[in-house]
């Protein structure tokens, strides 16, 4: 049973509503250093809570939060609600507008072993530790993770459509996505959300590090206030979208490698044992190349580019202990052959290595290699949603940064406190209406 609750969100006060576009922040890993610098320049941007700076970032975030509360830059809503969140966007080359519909609520930070929230990719250890420290210091969540649920009836959509007609906010984000937030306070409607979601498994689309941090923090707090039915430290902020009838788009995340010990000649020689290789005239053109065949990638070196396609007859040598669903994935082939077999980075080392980086921006990949900063880039194709669902349900996990669900949920539209006196509400009333 996936237990979700409405929340009494903290939000920027009314006097800041007209400048909200200056206060919200994208996820840290999807914008450039220059864009992040602009966000930090604004003293009240939410990035100061989500990714704080300084010698002791977590302490800095806590002091900032307390200051914002005291000065009423942030104020807490009086009533608990379900926050409806729609994202309107176009993809490159498309003329029609897409709309991803969802809602933001609190969900219990279930341990992965409980099989209520299913993950699909590995995490990076240092990033999880940072999230635990920040959550412990601030007891606030500045951006929701993104979870998928499956409901072919689409029943919740009618309630969300009705709410979004009277939005709290409507802003344009850093990529031109129109972000619209509304709230549902009607107890009977909220009860219906809780009822429909209680039998759902949630598939984590984005935010593995933040959720894993919340899981660990819940464990740390398990002996504190043990008799409470609803503890703030047990819950986590999530943006829920239906996998059925929704504009869900997954974009690729490319790989960059630094500190190569092999020469380019030796690297190509080793790759040719596993891949069919074809020279490609201009690396820039890989941005529009359609990788029709599975297990195919673009390889960018400083002065040359290649299309590399894994040799199917070698597939039996790829980690036979893994479920077939996982072994069939492009990125499993890539990570096993290139990073493990050829470069000697085992699965656990790949999670920690500073040699391996992940980049969504194609042009930045080319620039890093051309300028001699990275030794090579591997250009990947997007994964299908059906593959993600299959992997999650198999209990397996993909390599880290396997998916990039677009667009990302924006930080700063609302904040969720897990501090007990701010978290508490009459949640029982919503369950009485089932």
Protein backbone atom coordinates (compact mmCIF):
# COMPACT_ATOMS: atom_id res chain seq x y z
CA UNK A 1 0.00 0.00 0.00
CA UNK A 2 1.55 3.29 -1.13
CA UNK A 3 0.61 5.80 1.54
CA UNK A 4 0.39 9.39 0.34
CA UNK A 5 -0.76 12.50 2.20
CA UNK A 6 -1.66 16.07 1.28
CA UNK A 7 0.64 18.75 2.66
CA UNK A 8 0.67 22.24 4.11
CA UNK A 9 3.23 23.64 1.71
CA UNK A 10 5.59 26.48 2.36
CA UNK A 11 5.50 28.94 -0.54
CA UNK A 12 6.93 32.33 -1.43
CA UNK A 13 4.68 35.03 0.05
CA UNK A 14 2.29 37.01 -2.12
CA UNK A 15 4.65 39.97 -2.50
CA UNK A 16 7.09 37.71 -4.36
CA UNK A 17 4.50 36.08 -6.65
CA UNK A 18 5.12 38.46 -9.57
CA UNK A 19 8.85 37.72 -9.55
CA UNK A 20 8.60 33.98 -9.07
CA UNK A 21 10.51 33.26 -12.27
CA UNK A 22 13.58 34.74 -10.56
CA UNK A 23 13.11 32.52 -7.50
CA UNK A 24 12.50 29.04 -8.90
CA UNK A 25 15.43 26.82 -9.84
CA UNK A 26 15.95 23.84 -12.13
CA UNK A 27 17.58 20.71 -10.80
CA UNK A 28 21.28 21.31 -10.23
CA UNK A 29 22.57 18.80 -12.77
CA UNK A 30 20.58 20.02 -15.78
CA UNK A 31 22.01 23.53 -16.08
CA UNK A 32 25.50 24.87 -16.81
CA UNK A 33 27.82 26.40 -14.25
CA UNK A 34 27.15 29.84 -15.73
CA UNK A 35 23.39 29.41 -15.33
CA UNK A 36 23.86 28.23 -11.74
CA UNK A 37 25.97 31.29 -11.00
CA UNK A 38 23.09 33.51 -12.11
CA UNK A 39 20.71 31.66 -9.79
CA UNK A 40 23.07 32.01 -6.81
CA UNK A 41 23.35 35.74 -7.52
CA UNK A 42 19.73 36.26 -6.45
CA UNK A 43 19.66 36.26 -2.63
CA UNK A 44 16.20 34.67 -2.41
CA UNK A 45 16.41 32.05 -5.16
CA UNK A 46 15.40 28.59 -3.97
CA UNK A 47 18.79 27.17 -5.03
CA UNK A 48 20.14 28.49 -1.70
CA UNK A 49 18.01 25.79 -0.03
CA UNK A 50 18.26 23.00 -2.59
CA UNK A 51 22.01 23.20 -3.37
CA UNK A 52 23.58 25.56 -0.82
CA UNK A 53 27.14 26.84 -1.04
CA UNK A 54 29.80 27.69 1.54
CA UNK A 55 32.21 25.78 3.78
CA UNK A 56 29.27 24.14 5.57
CA UNK A 57 26.50 24.10 2.96
CA UNK A 58 23.87 22.35 5.09
CA UNK A 59 24.34 24.79 7.98
CA UNK A 60 24.17 27.68 5.54
CA UNK A 61 20.88 26.37 4.13
CA UNK A 62 19.41 26.01 7.63
CA UNK A 63 20.32 29.59 8.53
CA UNK A 64 18.91 30.84 5.23
CA UNK A 65 15.66 28.97 5.76
CA UNK A 66 15.16 30.29 9.27
CA UNK A 67 15.83 33.83 8.05
CA UNK A 68 13.31 33.47 5.21
CA UNK A 69 10.68 32.14 7.58
CA UNK A 70 11.28 34.89 10.12
CA UNK A 71 11.09 37.61 7.46
CA UNK A 72 8.03 35.91 5.90
CA UNK A 73 9.69 35.50 2.54
CA UNK A 74 8.27 31.99 2.86
CA UNK A 75 4.89 31.36 4.48
CA UNK A 76 3.13 28.08 5.19
CA UNK A 77 -0.33 27.39 3.77
CA UNK A 78 -2.95 27.06 6.48
CA UNK A 79 -4.78 24.12 4.90
CA UNK A 80 -3.33 20.85 3.61
CA UNK A 81 -3.80 20.28 -0.10
CA UNK A 82 -2.94 18.29 -3.18
CA UNK A 83 -0.96 20.57 -5.50
CA UNK A 84 -1.78 20.09 -9.17
CA UNK A 85 1.20 20.65 -11.44
CA UNK A 86 1.00 20.89 -15.25
CA UNK A 87 3.96 21.41 -17.58
CA UNK A 88 3.35 22.68 -21.12
CA UNK A 89 6.22 22.22 -23.57
CA UNK A 90 7.30 21.63 -27.16
CA UNK A 91 10.10 19.36 -28.30
CA UNK A 92 12.59 20.51 -30.93
CA UNK A 93 11.09 20.14 -34.39
CA UNK A 94 7.53 19.72 -33.11
CA UNK A 95 4.79 22.24 -33.73
CA UNK A 96 2.21 20.98 -31.25
CA UNK A 97 2.17 21.73 -27.53
CA UNK A 98 2.50 18.84 -25.08
CA UNK A 99 1.15 18.86 -21.54
CA UNK A 100 2.40 16.60 -18.78
CA UNK A 101 -0.22 16.44 -16.04
CA UNK A 102 0.47 15.51 -12.44
CA UNK A 103 0.13 16.41 -8.80
CA UNK A 104 2.45 16.96 -5.84
CA UNK A 105 1.89 15.23 -2.51
CA UNK A 106 3.82 13.50 0.26
CA UNK A 107 4.64 9.81 0.11
CA UNK A 108 6.17 7.60 2.78
CA UNK A 109 9.89 7.17 2.11
CA UNK A 110 9.61 3.42 1.62
CA UNK A 111 12.77 1.38 1.66
CA UNK A 112 13.46 -0.18 -1.73
CA UNK A 113 12.94 -3.65 -0.22
CA UNK A 114 9.30 -2.78 0.57
CA UNK A 115 8.52 -2.74 -3.18
CA UNK A 116 6.18 0.23 -2.92
CA UNK A 117 8.53 2.60 -4.74
CA UNK A 118 10.51 0.95 -7.52
CA UNK A 119 13.83 2.39 -8.68
CA UNK A 120 15.37 1.87 -12.08
CA UNK A 121 18.94 3.15 -11.83
CA UNK A 122 21.95 3.12 -9.53
CA UNK A 123 23.01 6.12 -7.47
CA UNK A 124 26.27 7.94 -6.79
CA UNK A 125 27.28 7.50 -3.14
CA UNK A 126 28.63 11.00 -2.46
CA UNK A 127 25.49 12.62 -3.83
CA UNK A 128 23.28 10.57 -1.48
CA UNK A 129 25.35 11.55 1.57
CA UNK A 130 25.03 15.22 0.66
CA UNK A 131 21.23 14.87 0.48
CA UNK A 132 21.06 13.22 3.93
CA UNK A 133 23.11 16.00 5.51
CA UNK A 134 20.99 18.70 3.91
CA UNK A 135 17.70 17.09 4.91
CA UNK A 136 18.84 16.59 8.50
CA UNK A 137 19.95 20.22 8.79
CA UNK A 138 16.99 21.96 7.15
CA UNK A 139 14.12 19.45 7.45
CA UNK A 140 12.77 21.01 4.25
CA UNK A 141 12.39 19.68 0.71
CA UNK A 142 12.80 22.32 -1.97
CA UNK A 143 11.93 20.23 -5.02
CA UNK A 144 9.85 17.09 -5.55
CA UNK A 145 11.19 13.87 -6.95
CA UNK A 146 9.20 12.45 -9.88
CA UNK A 147 7.20 9.22 -9.60
CA UNK A 148 5.07 7.37 -12.14
CA UNK A 149 1.90 5.48 -11.35
CA UNK A 150 -0.33 3.44 -13.65
CA UNK A 151 -4.05 4.17 -13.81
CA UNK A 152 -5.80 3.48 -17.09
CA UNK A 153 -9.08 4.95 -15.79
CA UNK A 154 -7.52 8.47 -15.75
CA UNK A 155 -10.02 9.33 -13.01
CA UNK A 156 -7.81 11.84 -11.22
CA UNK A 157 -7.39 13.88 -14.39
CA UNK A 158 -10.87 15.43 -14.14
CA UNK A 159 -10.10 16.78 -10.67
CA UNK A 160 -6.74 18.10 -11.81
CA UNK A 161 -8.22 19.77 -14.92
CA UNK A 162 -10.80 21.52 -12.75
CA UNK A 163 -8.16 22.80 -10.33
CA UNK A 164 -5.70 23.99 -12.97
CA UNK A 165 -8.35 26.37 -14.33
CA UNK A 166 -7.64 28.55 -11.25
CA UNK A 167 -3.84 28.46 -10.91
CA UNK A 168 -1.76 29.75 -8.03
CA UNK A 169 1.21 30.36 -10.31
CA UNK A 170 2.04 30.35 -13.99
CA UNK A 171 5.72 30.81 -14.85
CA UNK A 172 8.06 30.12 -17.74
CA UNK A 173 11.16 28.18 -16.77
CA UNK A 174 14.77 28.19 -17.99
CA UNK A 175 13.92 26.04 -21.03
CA UNK A 176 10.73 27.80 -22.02
CA UNK A 177 8.45 25.27 -20.35
CA UNK A 178 5.23 26.81 -19.01
CA UNK A 179 4.84 25.63 -15.42
CA UNK A 180 1.38 25.92 -13.85
CA UNK A 181 0.59 25.13 -10.20
CA UNK A 182 -2.85 24.91 -8.56
CA UNK A 183 -4.15 23.45 -5.32
CA UNK A 184 -7.04 21.21 -4.25
CA UNK A 185 -8.35 21.77 -0.71
CA UNK A 186 -11.65 19.86 -1.04
CA UNK A 187 -11.37 17.05 1.52
CA UNK A 188 -13.56 14.66 -0.47
CA UNK A 189 -11.49 15.11 -3.62
CA UNK A 190 -8.24 14.70 -1.68
CA UNK A 191 -9.65 11.51 -0.16
CA UNK A 192 -10.25 10.19 -3.65
CA UNK A 193 -6.59 10.79 -4.54
CA UNK A 194 -5.49 8.87 -1.45
CA UNK A 195 -7.92 6.04 -2.19
CA UNK A 196 -6.83 5.61 -5.81
CA UNK A 197 -3.12 5.78 -4.97
CA UNK A 198 -3.18 3.40 -2.00
CA UNK A 199 -2.97 0.27 -4.20
CA UNK A 200 -0.41 1.66 -6.63
CA UNK A 201 3.25 0.92 -6.90
CA UNK A 202 5.21 4.05 -7.73
CA UNK A 203 8.04 3.93 -10.25
CA UNK A 204 10.69 6.52 -9.53
CA UNK A 205 11.39 8.46 -12.70
CA UNK A 206 13.73 11.10 -11.31
CA UNK A 207 15.34 11.94 -7.98
CA UNK A 208 16.99 8.68 -6.91
CA UNK A 209 19.59 10.46 -4.77
CA UNK A 210 17.07 12.68 -2.98
CA UNK A 211 14.74 9.78 -2.27
CA UNK A 212 17.56 7.53 -1.11
CA UNK A 213 18.63 10.34 1.21
CA UNK A 214 15.07 10.52 2.58
CA UNK A 215 15.00 6.75 3.10
CA UNK A 216 18.23 6.85 5.10
CA UNK A 217 17.02 9.81 7.15
CA UNK A 218 13.79 7.96 7.95
CA UNK A 219 15.86 5.06 9.25
CA UNK A 220 17.95 7.38 11.40
CA UNK A 221 14.79 8.83 12.97
CA UNK A 222 12.88 5.58 13.51
CA UNK A 223 13.32 5.58 17.32
CA UNK A 224 12.21 9.20 17.72
CA UNK A 225 8.47 9.66 18.43
CA UNK A 226 7.86 5.98 17.60
CA UNK A 227 4.16 6.04 18.57
CA UNK A 228 3.13 8.75 16.13
CA UNK A 229 0.96 7.51 13.27
CA UNK A 230 2.29 10.16 10.88
CA UNK A 231 5.85 11.38 11.38
CA UNK A 232 7.32 14.09 9.21
CA UNK A 233 10.65 12.28 8.98
CA UNK A 234 8.86 9.33 7.36
CA UNK A 235 7.64 11.31 4.35
CA UNK A 236 9.01 12.65 1.11
CA UNK A 237 7.81 15.21 -1.47
CA UNK A 238 6.93 13.74 -4.86
CA UNK A 239 5.44 14.82 -8.18
CA UNK A 240 3.17 12.04 -9.47
CA UNK A 241 2.36 11.55 -13.15
CA UNK A 242 0.28 8.84 -14.76
CA UNK A 243 2.19 6.57 -17.14
CA UNK A 244 -1.01 6.23 -19.17
CA UNK A 245 -2.39 8.99 -21.36
CA UNK A 246 0.33 11.49 -20.48
CA UNK A 247 3.05 13.37 -22.35
CA UNK A 248 6.02 11.54 -20.83
CA UNK A 249 9.24 12.04 -22.75
CA UNK A 250 12.63 10.52 -21.99
CA UNK A 251 15.71 12.18 -23.49
CA UNK A 252 19.20 10.63 -23.70
CA UNK A 253 22.10 11.27 -21.31
CA UNK A 254 25.51 11.03 -22.96
CA UNK A 255 28.80 9.88 -21.40
CA UNK A 256 32.10 11.77 -21.15
CA UNK A 257 35.38 10.18 -20.12
CA UNK A 258 38.43 11.90 -18.59
CA UNK A 259 41.91 10.57 -17.82
CA UNK A 260 42.14 7.85 -20.48
CA UNK A 261 45.20 5.61 -20.03
CA UNK A 262 44.93 4.07 -23.51
CA UNK A 263 45.95 5.79 -26.72
CA UNK A 264 43.12 6.54 -29.16
CA UNK A 265 44.53 3.84 -31.44
CA UNK A 266 44.42 1.21 -28.69
CA UNK A 267 40.95 2.30 -27.61
CA UNK A 268 39.62 1.87 -31.14
CA UNK A 269 41.36 -1.50 -31.43
CA UNK A 270 39.71 -2.76 -28.23
CA UNK A 271 36.32 -1.42 -29.25
CA UNK A 272 36.53 -3.16 -32.63
CA UNK A 273 36.59 -6.52 -30.84
CA UNK A 274 33.09 -5.83 -29.54
CA UNK A 275 31.58 -3.36 -32.00
CA UNK A 276 31.17 -2.95 -35.75
CA UNK A 277 32.70 0.46 -36.38
CA UNK A 278 32.03 2.96 -39.13
CA UNK A 279 33.79 6.33 -39.46
CA UNK A 280 31.42 9.30 -39.28
CA UNK A 281 32.34 12.47 -41.11
CA UNK A 282 31.23 15.24 -38.78
CA UNK A 283 30.62 14.76 -35.07
CA UNK A 284 28.20 17.70 -35.07
CA UNK A 285 25.85 15.71 -37.30
CA UNK A 286 25.44 13.05 -34.62
CA UNK A 287 22.88 15.35 -32.97
CA UNK A 288 20.41 14.48 -35.73
CA UNK A 289 21.53 10.89 -36.36
CA UNK A 290 18.78 8.33 -35.85
CA UNK A 291 20.11 5.26 -34.07
CA UNK A 292 17.71 2.76 -35.60
CA UNK A 293 19.48 -0.34 -34.41
CA UNK A 294 19.64 -1.16 -30.72
CA UNK A 295 23.05 -1.32 -29.07
CA UNK A 296 24.38 1.47 -31.30
CA UNK A 297 26.17 4.65 -30.23
CA UNK A 298 28.13 7.62 -31.47
CA UNK A 299 31.78 7.88 -30.42
CA UNK A 300 33.45 11.28 -30.49
CA UNK A 301 37.23 11.64 -30.27
CA UNK A 302 39.15 14.89 -30.64
CA UNK A 303 39.64 14.70 -34.41
CA UNK A 304 37.28 11.93 -35.48
CA UNK A 305 33.88 10.40 -34.90
CA UNK A 306 32.44 6.91 -35.28
CA UNK A 307 29.17 5.00 -35.30
CA UNK A 308 29.72 1.88 -33.22
CA UNK A 309 27.25 -1.03 -33.18
CA UNK A 310 27.58 -3.92 -30.75
CA UNK A 311 28.08 -7.32 -32.38
CA UNK A 312 24.92 -9.36 -31.60
CA UNK A 313 26.76 -12.68 -31.54
CA UNK A 314 28.67 -11.49 -28.44
CA UNK A 315 25.52 -10.79 -26.44
CA UNK A 316 25.77 -14.10 -24.55
CA UNK A 317 28.98 -12.79 -22.96
CA UNK A 318 27.19 -9.83 -21.37
CA UNK A 319 26.51 -10.56 -17.71
CA UNK A 320 24.36 -13.70 -18.05
CA UNK A 321 23.35 -13.40 -14.37
CA UNK A 322 21.21 -10.34 -15.14
CA UNK A 323 17.53 -10.49 -16.17
CA UNK A 324 17.15 -10.49 -19.95
CA UNK A 325 15.16 -7.25 -19.75
CA UNK A 326 18.22 -5.52 -18.34
CA UNK A 327 20.80 -7.24 -20.53
CA UNK A 328 18.99 -5.98 -23.63
CA UNK A 329 19.43 -2.32 -22.73
CA UNK A 330 21.85 -0.17 -24.70
CA UNK A 331 23.41 1.35 -21.60
CA UNK A 332 24.01 -2.01 -19.93
CA UNK A 333 25.93 -3.12 -23.02
CA UNK A 334 27.86 0.15 -23.08
CA UNK A 335 28.79 0.17 -19.41
CA UNK A 336 29.72 -3.52 -19.33
CA UNK A 337 31.85 -3.51 -22.49
CA UNK A 338 33.44 -0.06 -22.63
CA UNK A 339 33.72 0.97 -19.00
CA UNK A 340 34.11 -2.43 -17.33
CA UNK A 341 35.77 -4.77 -19.84
CA UNK A 342 37.91 -2.26 -21.74
CA UNK A 343 38.63 0.51 -19.22
CA UNK A 344 38.51 -1.63 -16.07
CA UNK A 345 35.86 0.32 -14.16
CA UNK A 346 33.71 -2.19 -12.27
CA UNK A 347 30.04 -1.51 -11.57
CA UNK A 348 30.66 -0.11 -8.09
CA UNK A 349 33.64 1.95 -9.23
CA UNK A 350 31.54 3.50 -12.00
CA UNK A 351 29.27 4.94 -9.30
CA UNK A 352 32.19 6.76 -7.66
CA UNK A 353 34.64 7.44 -10.48
CA UNK A 354 35.60 11.02 -11.32
CA UNK A 355 36.69 9.82 -14.77
CA UNK A 356 33.13 9.19 -15.91
CA UNK A 357 30.72 12.10 -16.33
CA UNK A 358 27.17 12.43 -17.60
CA UNK A 359 26.00 15.17 -19.94
CA UNK A 360 22.57 15.84 -21.46
CA UNK A 361 23.73 18.70 -23.67
CA UNK A 362 25.05 17.33 -26.96
CA UNK A 363 26.94 20.50 -27.91
CA UNK A 364 28.70 20.54 -24.56
CA UNK A 365 29.88 16.96 -25.16
CA UNK A 366 31.44 17.93 -28.46
CA UNK A 367 33.04 21.03 -26.96
CA UNK A 368 34.57 19.13 -24.02
CA UNK A 369 36.25 16.68 -26.39
CA UNK A 370 37.30 19.22 -29.03
CA UNK A 371 38.90 21.44 -26.38
CA UNK A 372 40.86 18.48 -25.04
CA UNK A 373 39.17 18.46 -21.63
CA UNK A 374 37.48 15.06 -22.13
CA UNK A 375 39.17 12.18 -23.94
CA UNK A 376 36.00 10.98 -25.63
CA UNK A 377 32.21 11.22 -25.57
CA UNK A 378 29.68 8.48 -26.19
CA UNK A 379 26.44 9.73 -27.72
CA UNK A 380 23.47 7.62 -26.64
CA UNK A 381 19.85 7.35 -27.70
CA UNK A 382 16.80 7.66 -25.47
CA UNK A 383 15.28 4.68 -23.68
CA UNK A 384 11.60 3.76 -24.11
CA UNK A 385 9.20 4.20 -21.19
CA UNK A 386 8.10 0.58 -21.60
CA UNK A 387 11.68 -0.54 -21.01
CA UNK A 388 11.89 1.52 -17.82
CA UNK A 389 8.68 -0.03 -16.52
CA UNK A 390 9.89 -3.54 -17.34
CA UNK A 391 13.21 -3.03 -15.57
CA UNK A 392 11.55 -1.61 -12.46
CA UNK A 393 9.14 -4.50 -12.20
CA UNK A 394 11.98 -7.01 -12.64
CA UNK A 395 13.68 -5.65 -9.51
CA UNK A 396 16.86 -4.82 -11.44
CA UNK A 397 18.51 -1.40 -11.77
CA UNK A 398 20.08 0.32 -14.75
CA UNK A 399 23.42 2.14 -14.75
CA UNK A 400 23.28 5.58 -13.15
CA UNK A 401 21.91 8.45 -15.28
CA UNK A 402 20.12 6.08 -17.66
CA UNK A 403 17.05 8.27 -18.08
CA UNK A 404 16.29 11.94 -18.42
CA UNK A 405 12.56 12.48 -18.07
CA UNK A 406 11.74 15.77 -19.75
CA UNK A 407 10.86 18.32 -18.56
CA UNK A 408 12.25 18.18 -15.04
CA UNK A 409 10.12 19.25 -12.10
CA UNK A 410 11.01 22.78 -11.05
CA UNK A 411 12.30 23.62 -7.57
CA UNK A 412 10.92 26.47 -5.51
CA UNK A 413 7.27 26.38 -6.55
CA UNK A 414 6.59 24.94 -3.11
CA UNK A 415 8.51 23.50 -0.18
CA UNK A 416 7.58 20.60 2.12
CA UNK A 417 8.63 20.60 5.76
CA UNK A 418 9.25 17.36 7.65
CA UNK A 419 9.71 19.23 10.95
CA UNK A 420 7.02 17.62 13.09
CA UNK A 421 5.23 20.77 14.27
CA UNK A 422 5.06 22.04 10.66
CA UNK A 423 4.21 18.65 9.18
CA UNK A 424 1.32 17.81 11.49
CA UNK A 425 -2.26 18.13 10.30
CA UNK A 426 -5.60 16.41 10.72
CA UNK A 427 -4.77 13.70 8.18
CA UNK A 428 -7.29 11.33 9.74
CA UNK A 429 -10.13 13.41 8.27
CA UNK A 430 -9.13 12.50 4.71
CA UNK A 431 -9.23 8.77 5.42
CA UNK A 432 -12.63 8.98 7.11
CA UNK A 433 -14.13 9.97 3.75
CA UNK A 434 -13.08 6.80 1.90
